[in-house]
Amino acid sequence: MSNMIKIFACPNCGIEDNESTYCPKCTNPRHYLKERLRLKKIVEGDYIIIGYVGTATNAEIILQDIETQEEFNISLNQFFPMIKGLKFEDLKLRERKQGQKYSWEIVNDKK
């Protein structure tokens, strides 16, 4: 596994943005973002789950660093090994039909 990653960065100020073609910071003149390689970042800290994003093909948990307030989208597949074996007490489950398949949902009666 390589320790390098392709990113798009402004050649003028260095800001990274993988969702735009122009630098959001340099407005006069507008600078076109250039693809470059850099080392993959590694961050450590204490995090809380602040939300989730789900599409037909992907599900992500949004983590927020408690100290810096920076947010990170993490694939739910990364959490499966971490939550295996967790004990959930006093859950109520209800069967449901989802399209052609049957599954279960958690019933939240506690208010």
PDB file of N, CA and C in Angstrom:
ATOM      1  N   MET A   1       0.840  -1.180   0.000  1.00  0.00           N
ATOM      2  CA  MET A   1       0.000   0.000   0.000  1.00  0.00           C
ATOM      3  C   MET A   1       0.885   1.244   0.000  1.00  0.00           C
ATOM      4  N   SER A   2       0.618   2.126  -0.904  1.00  0.00           N
ATOM      5  CA  SER A   2       1.441   3.316  -1.059  1.00  0.00           C
ATOM      6  C   SER A   2       1.146   4.331   0.042  1.00  0.00           C
ATOM      7  N   ASN A   3       2.160   5.082   0.393  1.00  0.00           N
ATOM      8  CA  ASN A   3       1.952   6.137   1.387  1.00  0.00           C
ATOM      9  C   ASN A   3       1.756   7.494   0.720  1.00  0.00           C
ATOM     10  N   MET A   4       1.528   7.483  -0.609  1.00  0.00           N
ATOM     11  CA  MET A   4       1.288   8.721  -1.361  1.00  0.00           C
ATOM     12  C   MET A   4      -0.165   8.766  -1.831  1.00  0.00           C
ATOM     13  N   ILE A   5      -0.688   9.994  -2.000  1.00  0.00           N
ATOM     14  CA  ILE A   5      -2.058  10.191  -2.451  1.00  0.00           C
ATOM     15  C   ILE A   5      -2.091  11.349  -3.446  1.00  0.00           C
ATOM     16  N   LYS A   6      -2.959  11.235  -4.475  1.00  0.00           N
ATOM     17  CA  LYS A   6      -3.131  12.319  -5.441  1.00  0.00           C
ATOM     18  C   LYS A   6      -4.150  13.311  -4.884  1.00  0.00           C
ATOM     19  N   ILE A   7      -3.812  14.583  -4.935  1.00  0.00           N
ATOM     20  CA  ILE A   7      -4.724  15.634  -4.481  1.00  0.00           C
ATOM     21  C   ILE A   7      -4.690  16.767  -5.503  1.00  0.00           C
ATOM     22  N   PHE A   8      -5.645  17.677  -5.393  1.00  0.00           N
ATOM     23  CA  PHE A   8      -5.652  18.883  -6.206  1.00  0.00           C
ATOM     24  C   PHE A   8      -5.348  20.054  -5.286  1.00  0.00           C
ATOM     25  N   ALA A   9      -4.357  20.871  -5.651  1.00  0.00           N
ATOM     26  CA  ALA A   9      -3.920  21.975  -4.809  1.00  0.00           C
ATOM     27  C   ALA A   9      -3.645  23.208  -5.663  1.00  0.00           C
ATOM     28  N   CYS A  10      -3.787  24.368  -5.033  1.00  0.00           N
ATOM     29  CA  CYS A  10      -3.514  25.629  -5.699  1.00  0.00           C
ATOM     30  C   CYS A  10      -2.000  25.819  -5.798  1.00  0.00           C
ATOM     31  N   PRO A  11      -1.478  26.115  -6.986  1.00  0.00           N
ATOM     32  CA  PRO A  11      -0.039  26.326  -7.108  1.00  0.00           C
ATOM     33  C   PRO A  11       0.419  27.623  -6.441  1.00  0.00           C
ATOM     34  N   ASN A  12      -0.518  28.532  -6.163  1.00  0.00           N
ATOM     35  CA  ASN A  12      -0.193  29.815  -5.553  1.00  0.00           C
ATOM     36  C   ASN A  12      -0.154  29.730  -4.025  1.00  0.00           C
ATOM     37  N   CYS A  13      -1.242  29.257  -3.398  1.00  0.00           N
ATOM     38  CA  CYS A  13      -1.317  29.267  -1.928  1.00  0.00           C
ATOM     39  C   CYS A  13      -1.217  27.880  -1.306  1.00  0.00           C
ATOM     40  N   GLY A  14      -1.360  26.823  -2.119  1.00  0.00           N
ATOM     41  CA  GLY A  14      -1.213  25.466  -1.613  1.00  0.00           C
ATOM     42  C   GLY A  14      -2.470  24.849  -1.031  1.00  0.00           C
ATOM     43  N   ILE A  15      -3.592  25.587  -0.994  1.00  0.00           N
ATOM     44  CA  ILE A  15      -4.816  25.046  -0.424  1.00  0.00           C
ATOM     45  C   ILE A  15      -5.288  23.853  -1.246  1.00  0.00           C
ATOM     46  N   GLU A  16      -5.768  22.805  -0.556  1.00  0.00           N
ATOM     47  CA  GLU A  16      -6.248  21.599  -1.221  1.00  0.00           C
ATOM     48  C   GLU A  16      -7.764  21.653  -1.340  1.00  0.00           C
ATOM     49  N   ASP A  17      -8.281  21.210  -2.478  1.00  0.00           N
ATOM     50  CA  ASP A  17      -9.725  21.165  -2.701  1.00  0.00           C
ATOM     51  C   ASP A  17      -9.995  20.127  -3.782  1.00  0.00           C
ATOM     52  N   ASN A  18     -10.640  19.028  -3.400  1.00  0.00           N
ATOM     53  CA  ASN A  18     -10.920  17.967  -4.360  1.00  0.00           C
ATOM     54  C   ASN A  18     -12.313  18.074  -4.953  1.00  0.00           C
ATOM     55  N   GLU A  19     -13.046  19.152  -4.669  1.00  0.00           N
ATOM     56  CA  GLU A  19     -14.399  19.304  -5.183  1.00  0.00           C
ATOM     57  C   GLU A  19     -14.535  20.455  -6.170  1.00  0.00           C
ATOM     58  N   SER A  20     -13.486  21.206  -6.406  1.00  0.00           N
ATOM     59  CA  SER A  20     -13.546  22.375  -7.273  1.00  0.00           C
ATOM     60  C   SER A  20     -12.401  22.318  -8.284  1.00  0.00           C
ATOM     61  N   THR A  21     -12.496  23.150  -9.316  1.00  0.00           N
ATOM     62  CA  THR A  21     -11.397  23.221 -10.288  1.00  0.00           C
ATOM     63  C   THR A  21     -10.547  24.466 -10.080  1.00  0.00           C
ATOM     64  N   TYR A  22     -11.091  25.431  -9.349  1.00  0.00           N
ATOM     65  CA  TYR A  22     -10.359  26.670  -9.062  1.00  0.00           C
ATOM     66  C   TYR A  22     -10.180  26.838  -7.564  1.00  0.00           C
ATOM     67  N   CYS A  23      -9.148  27.545  -7.184  1.00  0.00           N
ATOM     68  CA  CYS A  23      -8.852  27.788  -5.774  1.00  0.00           C
ATOM     69  C   CYS A  23      -9.960  28.633  -5.154  1.00  0.00           C
ATOM     70  N   PRO A  24     -10.546  28.192  -4.031  1.00  0.00           N
ATOM     71  CA  PRO A  24     -11.592  28.970  -3.380  1.00  0.00           C
ATOM     72  C   PRO A  24     -11.040  30.189  -2.633  1.00  0.00           C
ATOM     73  N   LYS A  25      -9.731  30.221  -2.406  1.00  0.00           N
ATOM     74  CA  LYS A  25      -9.111  31.315  -1.657  1.00  0.00           C
ATOM     75  C   LYS A  25      -8.564  32.412  -2.575  1.00  0.00           C
ATOM     76  N   CYS A  26      -7.886  32.020  -3.635  1.00  0.00           N
ATOM     77  CA  CYS A  26      -7.262  32.978  -4.555  1.00  0.00           C
ATOM     78  C   CYS A  26      -8.297  33.430  -5.594  1.00  0.00           C
ATOM     79  N   THR A  27      -8.860  34.601  -5.407  1.00  0.00           N
ATOM     80  CA  THR A  27      -9.914  35.057  -6.314  1.00  0.00           C
ATOM     81  C   THR A  27      -9.415  36.052  -7.360  1.00  0.00           C
ATOM     82  N   ASN A  28      -8.322  36.726  -7.118  1.00  0.00           N
ATOM     83  CA  ASN A  28      -7.829  37.706  -8.082  1.00  0.00           C
ATOM     84  C   ASN A  28      -6.315  37.546  -8.238  1.00  0.00           C
ATOM     85  N   PRO A  29      -5.802  36.900  -9.225  1.00  0.00           N
ATOM     86  CA  PRO A  29      -6.522  36.156 -10.265  1.00  0.00           C
ATOM     87  C   PRO A  29      -6.920  34.779  -9.751  1.00  0.00           C
ATOM     88  N   ARG A  30      -7.933  34.162 -10.380  1.00  0.00           N
ATOM     89  CA  ARG A  30      -8.355  32.803 -10.012  1.00  0.00           C
ATOM     90  C   ARG A  30      -7.304  31.815 -10.483  1.00  0.00           C
ATOM     91  N   HIS A  31      -6.907  30.944  -9.588  1.00  0.00           N
ATOM     92  CA  HIS A  31      -5.888  29.946  -9.922  1.00  0.00           C
ATOM     93  C   HIS A  31      -6.537  28.584 -10.133  1.00  0.00           C
ATOM     94  N   TYR A  32      -6.145  27.933 -11.219  1.00  0.00           N
ATOM     95  CA  TYR A  32      -6.608  26.591 -11.544  1.00  0.00           C
ATOM     96  C   TYR A  32      -5.866  25.602 -10.661  1.00  0.00           C
ATOM     97  N   LEU A  33      -6.584  24.675 -10.018  1.00  0.00           N
ATOM     98  CA  LEU A  33      -5.952  23.691  -9.152  1.00  0.00           C
ATOM     99  C   LEU A  33      -5.189  22.670  -9.988  1.00  0.00           C
ATOM    100  N   LYS A  34      -4.037  22.276  -9.508  1.00  0.00           N
ATOM    101  CA  LYS A  34      -3.175  21.316 -10.206  1.00  0.00           C
ATOM    102  C   LYS A  34      -3.103  20.024  -9.393  1.00  0.00           C
ATOM    103  N   GLU A  35      -3.068  18.899 -10.098  1.00  0.00           N
ATOM    104  CA  GLU A  35      -2.929  17.609  -9.435  1.00  0.00           C
ATOM    105  C   GLU A  35      -1.473  17.422  -9.009  1.00  0.00           C
ATOM    106  N   ARG A  36      -1.306  16.910  -7.788  1.00  0.00           N
ATOM    107  CA  ARG A  36       0.043  16.604  -7.308  1.00  0.00           C
ATOM    108  C   ARG A  36      -0.014  15.454  -6.317  1.00  0.00           C
ATOM    109  N   LEU A  37       1.131  14.901  -6.012  1.00  0.00           N
ATOM    110  CA  LEU A  37       1.243  13.828  -5.030  1.00  0.00           C
ATOM    111  C   LEU A  37       1.764  14.389  -3.710  1.00  0.00           C
ATOM    112  N   ARG A  38       1.246  13.854  -2.620  1.00  0.00           N
ATOM    113  CA  ARG A  38       1.779  14.180  -1.303  1.00  0.00           C
ATOM    114  C   ARG A  38       1.642  12.960  -0.403  1.00  0.00           C
ATOM    115  N   LEU A  39       2.343  12.969   0.707  1.00  0.00           N
ATOM    116  CA  LEU A  39       2.230  11.888   1.679  1.00  0.00           C
ATOM    117  C   LEU A  39       0.824  11.883   2.277  1.00  0.00           C
ATOM    118  N   LYS A  40       0.298  10.686   2.541  1.00  0.00           N
ATOM    119  CA  LYS A  40      -1.008  10.575   3.192  1.00  0.00           C
ATOM    120  C   LYS A  40      -0.902  11.100   4.617  1.00  0.00           C
ATOM    121  N   LYS A  41      -1.915  11.860   5.034  1.00  0.00           N
ATOM    122  CA  LYS A  41      -1.942  12.398   6.388  1.00  0.00           C
ATOM    123  C   LYS A  41      -2.417  11.334   7.372  1.00  0.00           C
ATOM    124  N   ILE A  42      -1.932  11.425   8.581  1.00  0.00           N
ATOM    125  CA  ILE A  42      -2.396  10.593   9.688  1.00  0.00           C
ATOM    126  C   ILE A  42      -2.713  11.541  10.838  1.00  0.00           C
ATOM    127  N   VAL A  43      -3.919  11.434  11.373  1.00  0.00           N
ATOM    128  CA  VAL A  43      -4.315  12.280  12.500  1.00  0.00           C
ATOM    129  C   VAL A  43      -4.750  11.391  13.654  1.00  0.00           C
ATOM    130  N   GLU A  44      -4.533  11.857  14.867  1.00  0.00           N
ATOM    131  CA  GLU A  44      -4.945  11.142  16.066  1.00  0.00           C
ATOM    132  C   GLU A  44      -5.723  12.093  16.947  1.00  0.00           C
ATOM    133  N   GLY A  45      -6.624  11.560  17.723  1.00  0.00           N
ATOM    134  CA  GLY A  45      -7.374  12.393  18.638  1.00  0.00           C
ATOM    135  C   GLY A  45      -8.536  11.649  19.248  1.00  0.00           C
ATOM    136  N   ASP A  46      -9.386  12.392  19.924  1.00  0.00           N
ATOM    137  CA  ASP A  46     -10.605  11.875  20.507  1.00  0.00           C
ATOM    138  C   ASP A  46     -11.761  12.392  19.662  1.00  0.00           C
ATOM    139  N   TYR A  47     -12.674  11.501  19.294  1.00  0.00           N
ATOM    140  CA  TYR A  47     -13.721  11.838  18.339  1.00  0.00           C
ATOM    141  C   TYR A  47     -15.102  11.503  18.879  1.00  0.00           C
ATOM    142  N   ILE A  48     -16.105  12.231  18.367  1.00  0.00           N
ATOM    143  CA  ILE A  48     -17.499  11.899  18.618  1.00  0.00           C
ATOM    144  C   ILE A  48     -18.181  11.733  17.261  1.00  0.00           C
ATOM    145  N   ILE A  49     -19.218  10.902  17.235  1.00  0.00           N
ATOM    146  CA  ILE A  49     -20.002  10.730  16.007  1.00  0.00           C
ATOM    147  C   ILE A  49     -21.036  11.840  15.985  1.00  0.00           C
ATOM    148  N   ILE A  50     -21.026  12.652  14.916  1.00  0.00           N
ATOM    149  CA  ILE A  50     -21.971  13.763  14.828  1.00  0.00           C
ATOM    150  C   ILE A  50     -23.031  13.560  13.760  1.00  0.00           C
ATOM    151  N   GLY A  51     -22.894  12.504  12.955  1.00  0.00           N
ATOM    152  CA  GLY A  51     -23.890  12.263  11.931  1.00  0.00           C
ATOM    153  C   GLY A  51     -23.487  11.125  11.026  1.00  0.00           C
ATOM    154  N   TYR A  52     -24.255  10.986   9.965  1.00  0.00           N
ATOM    155  CA  TYR A  52     -23.972   9.950   8.999  1.00  0.00           C
ATOM    156  C   TYR A  52     -24.463  10.392   7.627  1.00  0.00           C
ATOM    157  N   VAL A  53     -23.907   9.766   6.603  1.00  0.00           N
ATOM    158  CA  VAL A  53     -24.290  10.011   5.220  1.00  0.00           C
ATOM    159  C   VAL A  53     -24.545   8.644   4.602  1.00  0.00           C
ATOM    160  N   GLY A  54     -25.674   8.478   3.959  1.00  0.00           N
ATOM    161  CA  GLY A  54     -25.979   7.206   3.334  1.00  0.00           C
ATOM    162  C   GLY A  54     -26.472   7.405   1.915  1.00  0.00           C
ATOM    163  N   THR A  55     -25.941   6.618   1.006  1.00  0.00           N
ATOM    164  CA  THR A  55     -26.400   6.605  -0.374  1.00  0.00           C
ATOM    165  C   THR A  55     -26.729   5.161  -0.724  1.00  0.00           C
ATOM    166  N   ALA A  56     -27.156   4.935  -1.948  1.00  0.00           N
ATOM    167  CA  ALA A  56     -27.467   3.573  -2.378  1.00  0.00           C
ATOM    168  C   ALA A  56     -26.234   2.686  -2.396  1.00  0.00           C
ATOM    169  N   THR A  57     -25.054   3.265  -2.544  1.00  0.00           N
ATOM    170  CA  THR A  57     -23.838   2.464  -2.671  1.00  0.00           C
ATOM    171  C   THR A  57     -22.853   2.615  -1.523  1.00  0.00           C
ATOM    172  N   ASN A  58     -23.084   3.562  -0.609  1.00  0.00           N
ATOM    173  CA  ASN A  58     -22.097   3.815   0.433  1.00  0.00           C
ATOM    174  C   ASN A  58     -22.768   4.358   1.688  1.00  0.00           C
ATOM    175  N   ALA A  59     -22.170   4.075   2.823  1.00  0.00           N
ATOM    176  CA  ALA A  59     -22.607   4.654   4.090  1.00  0.00           C
ATOM    177  C   ALA A  59     -21.374   5.110   4.851  1.00  0.00           C
ATOM    178  N   GLU A  60     -21.441   6.317   5.400  1.00  0.00           N
ATOM    179  CA  GLU A  60     -20.312   6.876   6.138  1.00  0.00           C
ATOM    180  C   GLU A  60     -20.785   7.461   7.468  1.00  0.00           C
ATOM    181  N   ILE A  61     -19.923   7.375   8.447  1.00  0.00           N
ATOM    182  CA  ILE A  61     -20.119   8.017   9.741  1.00  0.00           C
ATOM    183  C   ILE A  61     -19.299   9.298   9.715  1.00  0.00           C
ATOM    184  N   ILE A  62     -19.850  10.386  10.247  1.00  0.00           N
ATOM    185  CA  ILE A  62     -19.112  11.649  10.322  1.00  0.00           C
ATOM    186  C   ILE A  62     -18.574  11.789  11.737  1.00  0.00           C
ATOM    187  N   LEU A  63     -17.253  11.769  11.849  1.00  0.00           N
ATOM    188  CA  LEU A  63     -16.581  11.936  13.138  1.00  0.00           C
ATOM    189  C   LEU A  63     -16.108  13.376  13.269  1.00  0.00           C
ATOM    190  N   GLN A  64     -16.126  13.890  14.499  1.00  0.00           N
ATOM    191  CA  GLN A  64     -15.609  15.223  14.760  1.00  0.00           C
ATOM    192  C   GLN A  64     -14.560  15.129  15.858  1.00  0.00           C
ATOM    193  N   ASP A  65     -13.393  15.708  15.593  1.00  0.00           N
ATOM    194  CA  ASP A  65     -12.337  15.768  16.600  1.00  0.00           C
ATOM    195  C   ASP A  65     -12.816  16.687  17.713  1.00  0.00           C
ATOM    196  N   ILE A  66     -12.812  16.208  18.930  1.00  0.00           N
ATOM    197  CA  ILE A  66     -13.331  16.972  20.067  1.00  0.00           C
ATOM    198  C   ILE A  66     -12.539  18.255  20.288  1.00  0.00           C
ATOM    199  N   GLU A  67     -11.236  18.198  20.078  1.00  0.00           N
ATOM    200  CA  GLU A  67     -10.385  19.363  20.341  1.00  0.00           C
ATOM    201  C   GLU A  67     -10.408  20.383  19.210  1.00  0.00           C
ATOM    202  N   THR A  68     -10.239  19.925  17.956  1.00  0.00           N
ATOM    203  CA  THR A  68     -10.094  20.851  16.829  1.00  0.00           C
ATOM    204  C   THR A  68     -11.401  21.139  16.094  1.00  0.00           C
ATOM    205  N   GLN A  69     -12.450  20.346  16.367  1.00  0.00           N
ATOM    206  CA  GLN A  69     -13.746  20.455  15.686  1.00  0.00           C
ATOM    207  C   GLN A  69     -13.679  20.073  14.208  1.00  0.00           C
ATOM    208  N   GLU A  70     -12.558  19.524  13.747  1.00  0.00           N
ATOM    209  CA  GLU A  70     -12.427  19.092  12.353  1.00  0.00           C
ATOM    210  C   GLU A  70     -13.267  17.839  12.136  1.00  0.00           C
ATOM    211  N   GLU A  71     -13.908  17.756  10.965  1.00  0.00           N
ATOM    212  CA  GLU A  71     -14.794  16.633  10.659  1.00  0.00           C
ATOM    213  C   GLU A  71     -14.151  15.689   9.644  1.00  0.00           C
ATOM    214  N   PHE A  72     -14.470  14.387   9.803  1.00  0.00           N
ATOM    215  CA  PHE A  72     -13.928  13.350   8.940  1.00  0.00           C
ATOM    216  C   PHE A  72     -15.043  12.381   8.576  1.00  0.00           C
ATOM    217  N   ASN A  73     -15.201  12.096   7.275  1.00  0.00           N
ATOM    218  CA  ASN A  73     -16.158  11.090   6.828  1.00  0.00           C
ATOM    219  C   ASN A  73     -15.442   9.747   6.758  1.00  0.00           C
ATOM    220  N   ILE A  74     -15.958   8.755   7.488  1.00  0.00           N
ATOM    221  CA  ILE A  74     -15.330   7.444   7.577  1.00  0.00           C
ATOM    222  C   ILE A  74     -16.306   6.396   7.065  1.00  0.00           C
ATOM    223  N   SER A  75     -15.858   5.536   6.157  1.00  0.00           N
ATOM    224  CA  SER A  75     -16.703   4.472   5.637  1.00  0.00           C
ATOM    225  C   SER A  75     -17.189   3.589   6.777  1.00  0.00           C
ATOM    226  N   LEU A  76     -18.469   3.249   6.745  1.00  0.00           N
ATOM    227  CA  LEU A  76     -19.039   2.404   7.786  1.00  0.00           C
ATOM    228  C   LEU A  76     -18.336   1.055   7.851  1.00  0.00           C
ATOM    229  N   ASN A  77     -17.793   0.588   6.724  1.00  0.00           N
ATOM    230  CA  ASN A  77     -17.052  -0.672   6.729  1.00  0.00           C
ATOM    231  C   ASN A  77     -15.873  -0.640   7.686  1.00  0.00           C
ATOM    232  N   GLN A  78     -15.320   0.534   7.949  1.00  0.00           N
ATOM    233  CA  GLN A  78     -14.213   0.659   8.893  1.00  0.00           C
ATOM    234  C   GLN A  78     -14.674   0.407  10.330  1.00  0.00           C
ATOM    235  N   PHE A  79     -15.966   0.606  10.602  1.00  0.00           N
ATOM    236  CA  PHE A  79     -16.490   0.447  11.963  1.00  0.00           C
ATOM    237  C   PHE A  79     -16.916  -0.979  12.284  1.00  0.00           C
ATOM    238  N   PHE A  80     -17.221  -1.772  11.265  1.00  0.00           N
ATOM    239  CA  PHE A  80     -17.734  -3.114  11.531  1.00  0.00           C
ATOM    240  C   PHE A  80     -16.829  -3.937  12.442  1.00  0.00           C
ATOM    241  N   PRO A  81     -15.513  -3.983  12.209  1.00  0.00           N
ATOM    242  CA  PRO A  81     -14.665  -4.754  13.131  1.00  0.00           C
ATOM    243  C   PRO A  81     -14.657  -4.171  14.550  1.00  0.00           C
ATOM    244  N   MET A  82     -14.845  -2.859  14.689  1.00  0.00           N
ATOM    245  CA  MET A  82     -14.803  -2.216  16.004  1.00  0.00           C
ATOM    246  C   MET A  82     -16.061  -2.491  16.820  1.00  0.00           C
ATOM    247  N   ILE A  83     -17.211  -2.646  16.147  1.00  0.00           N
ATOM    248  CA  ILE A  83     -18.456  -2.815  16.898  1.00  0.00           C
ATOM    249  C   ILE A  83     -18.826  -4.279  17.105  1.00  0.00           C
ATOM    250  N   LYS A  84     -18.104  -5.182  16.447  1.00  0.00           N
ATOM    251  CA  LYS A  84     -18.381  -6.606  16.634  1.00  0.00           C
ATOM    252  C   LYS A  84     -18.152  -6.963  18.099  1.00  0.00           C
ATOM    253  N   GLY A  85     -19.150  -7.573  18.695  1.00  0.00           N
ATOM    254  CA  GLY A  85     -19.043  -7.995  20.086  1.00  0.00           C
ATOM    255  C   GLY A  85     -19.584  -6.989  21.090  1.00  0.00           C
ATOM    256  N   LEU A  86     -19.957  -5.776  20.636  1.00  0.00           N
ATOM    257  CA  LEU A  86     -20.558  -4.822  21.564  1.00  0.00           C
ATOM    258  C   LEU A  86     -21.894  -5.351  22.066  1.00  0.00           C
ATOM    259  N   LYS A  87     -22.189  -5.106  23.321  1.00  0.00           N
ATOM    260  CA  LYS A  87     -23.436  -5.590  23.906  1.00  0.00           C
ATOM    261  C   LYS A  87     -24.444  -4.447  23.955  1.00  0.00           C
ATOM    262  N   PHE A  88     -25.624  -4.691  23.409  1.00  0.00           N
ATOM    263  CA  PHE A  88     -26.715  -3.717  23.434  1.00  0.00           C
ATOM    264  C   PHE A  88     -27.820  -4.298  24.295  1.00  0.00           C
ATOM    265  N   GLU A  89     -28.097  -3.663  25.422  1.00  0.00           N
ATOM    266  CA  GLU A  89     -29.096  -4.174  26.345  1.00  0.00           C
ATOM    267  C   GLU A  89     -30.424  -3.468  26.142  1.00  0.00           C
ATOM    268  N   ASP A  90     -31.479  -4.206  26.361  1.00  0.00           N
ATOM    269  CA  ASP A  90     -32.838  -3.680  26.374  1.00  0.00           C
ATOM    270  C   ASP A  90     -33.228  -3.023  25.046  1.00  0.00           C
ATOM    271  N   LEU A  91     -32.967  -3.707  23.952  1.00  0.00           N
ATOM    272  CA  LEU A  91     -33.388  -3.230  22.635  1.00  0.00           C
ATOM    273  C   LEU A  91     -34.696  -3.902  22.248  1.00  0.00           C
ATOM    274  N   LYS A  92     -35.533  -3.167  21.552  1.00  0.00           N
ATOM    275  CA  LYS A  92     -36.756  -3.729  20.998  1.00  0.00           C
ATOM    276  C   LYS A  92     -36.632  -3.662  19.483  1.00  0.00           C
ATOM    277  N   LEU A  93     -36.802  -4.808  18.815  1.00  0.00           N
ATOM    278  CA  LEU A  93     -36.679  -4.893  17.367  1.00  0.00           C
ATOM    279  C   LEU A  93     -38.048  -5.206  16.752  1.00  0.00           C
ATOM    280  N   ARG A  94     -38.284  -4.622  15.589  1.00  0.00           N
ATOM    281  CA  ARG A  94     -39.535  -4.855  14.868  1.00  0.00           C
ATOM    282  C   ARG A  94     -39.196  -5.262  13.437  1.00  0.00           C
ATOM    283  N   GLU A  95     -39.875  -6.302  12.970  1.00  0.00           N
ATOM    284  CA  GLU A  95     -39.673  -6.763  11.605  1.00  0.00           C
ATOM    285  C   GLU A  95     -40.259  -5.752  10.631  1.00  0.00           C
ATOM    286  N   ARG A  96     -39.585  -5.596   9.478  1.00  0.00           N
ATOM    287  CA  ARG A  96     -40.094  -4.688   8.449  1.00  0.00           C
ATOM    288  C   ARG A  96     -39.760  -5.250   7.078  1.00  0.00           C
ATOM    289  N   LYS A  97     -40.548  -4.838   6.101  1.00  0.00           N
ATOM    290  CA  LYS A  97     -40.304  -5.242   4.732  1.00  0.00           C
ATOM    291  C   LYS A  97     -39.726  -4.048   3.999  1.00  0.00           C
ATOM    292  N   GLN A  98     -38.627  -4.286   3.318  1.00  0.00           N
ATOM    293  CA  GLN A  98     -37.937  -3.235   2.588  1.00  0.00           C
ATOM    294  C   GLN A  98     -37.798  -3.703   1.150  1.00  0.00           C
ATOM    295  N   GLY A  99     -38.722  -3.257   0.291  1.00  0.00           N
ATOM    296  CA  GLY A  99     -38.751  -3.746  -1.081  1.00  0.00           C
ATOM    297  C   GLY A  99     -39.162  -5.201  -1.081  1.00  0.00           C
ATOM    298  N   GLN A 100     -38.334  -6.060  -1.639  1.00  0.00           N
ATOM    299  CA  GLN A 100     -38.611  -7.495  -1.669  1.00  0.00           C
ATOM    300  C   GLN A 100     -38.001  -8.234  -0.475  1.00  0.00           C
ATOM    301  N   LYS A 101     -37.212  -7.534   0.331  1.00  0.00           N
ATOM    302  CA  LYS A 101     -36.499  -8.181   1.428  1.00  0.00           C
ATOM    303  C   LYS A 101     -37.129  -7.831   2.771  1.00  0.00           C
ATOM    304  N   TYR A 102     -36.881  -8.703   3.742  1.00  0.00           N
ATOM    305  CA  TYR A 102     -37.303  -8.460   5.113  1.00  0.00           C
ATOM    306  C   TYR A 102     -36.068  -8.152   5.947  1.00  0.00           C
ATOM    307  N   SER A 103     -36.225  -7.246   6.875  1.00  0.00           N
ATOM    308  CA  SER A 103     -35.119  -6.912   7.769  1.00  0.00           C
ATOM    309  C   SER A 103     -35.721  -6.501   9.113  1.00  0.00           C
ATOM    310  N   TRP A 104     -34.888  -5.942   9.960  1.00  0.00           N
ATOM    311  CA  TRP A 104     -35.308  -5.536  11.294  1.00  0.00           C
ATOM    312  C   TRP A 104     -34.937  -4.083  11.526  1.00  0.00           C
ATOM    313  N   GLU A 105     -35.736  -3.415  12.344  1.00  0.00           N
ATOM    314  CA  GLU A 105     -35.449  -2.044  12.737  1.00  0.00           C
ATOM    315  C   GLU A 105     -35.511  -1.932  14.251  1.00  0.00           C
ATOM    316  N   ILE A 106     -34.796  -0.980  14.788  1.00  0.00           N
ATOM    317  CA  ILE A 106     -34.815  -0.738  16.228  1.00  0.00           C
ATOM    318  C   ILE A 106     -35.995   0.173  16.546  1.00  0.00           C
ATOM    319  N   VAL A 107     -36.788  -0.235  17.521  1.00  0.00           N
ATOM    320  CA  VAL A 107     -37.929   0.556  17.953  1.00  0.00           C
ATOM    321  C   VAL A 107     -37.483   1.368  19.157  1.00  0.00           C
ATOM    322  N   ASN A 108     -37.645   2.690  19.056  1.00  0.00           N
ATOM    323  CA  ASN A 108     -37.233   3.566  20.143  1.00  0.00           C
ATOM    324  C   ASN A 108     -38.479   4.043  20.878  1.00  0.00           C
ATOM    325  N   ASP A 109     -38.876   3.341  21.959  1.00  0.00           N
ATOM    326  CA  ASP A 109     -40.035   3.722  22.759  1.00  0.00           C
ATOM    327  C   ASP A 109     -39.674   4.690  23.876  1.00  0.00           C
ATOM    328  N   LYS A 110     -38.367   4.815  24.138  1.00  0.00           N
ATOM    329  CA  LYS A 110     -37.913   5.658  25.250  1.00  0.00           C
ATOM    330  C   LYS A 110     -37.905   7.104  24.828  1.00  0.00           C
ATOM    331  N   LYS A 111     -38.598   7.936  25.559  1.00  0.00           N
ATOM    332  CA  LYS A 111     -38.653   9.371  25.224  1.00  0.00           C
ATOM    333  C   LYS A 111     -38.140  10.201  26.362  1.00  0.00           C
TER     334      LYS A 111
END
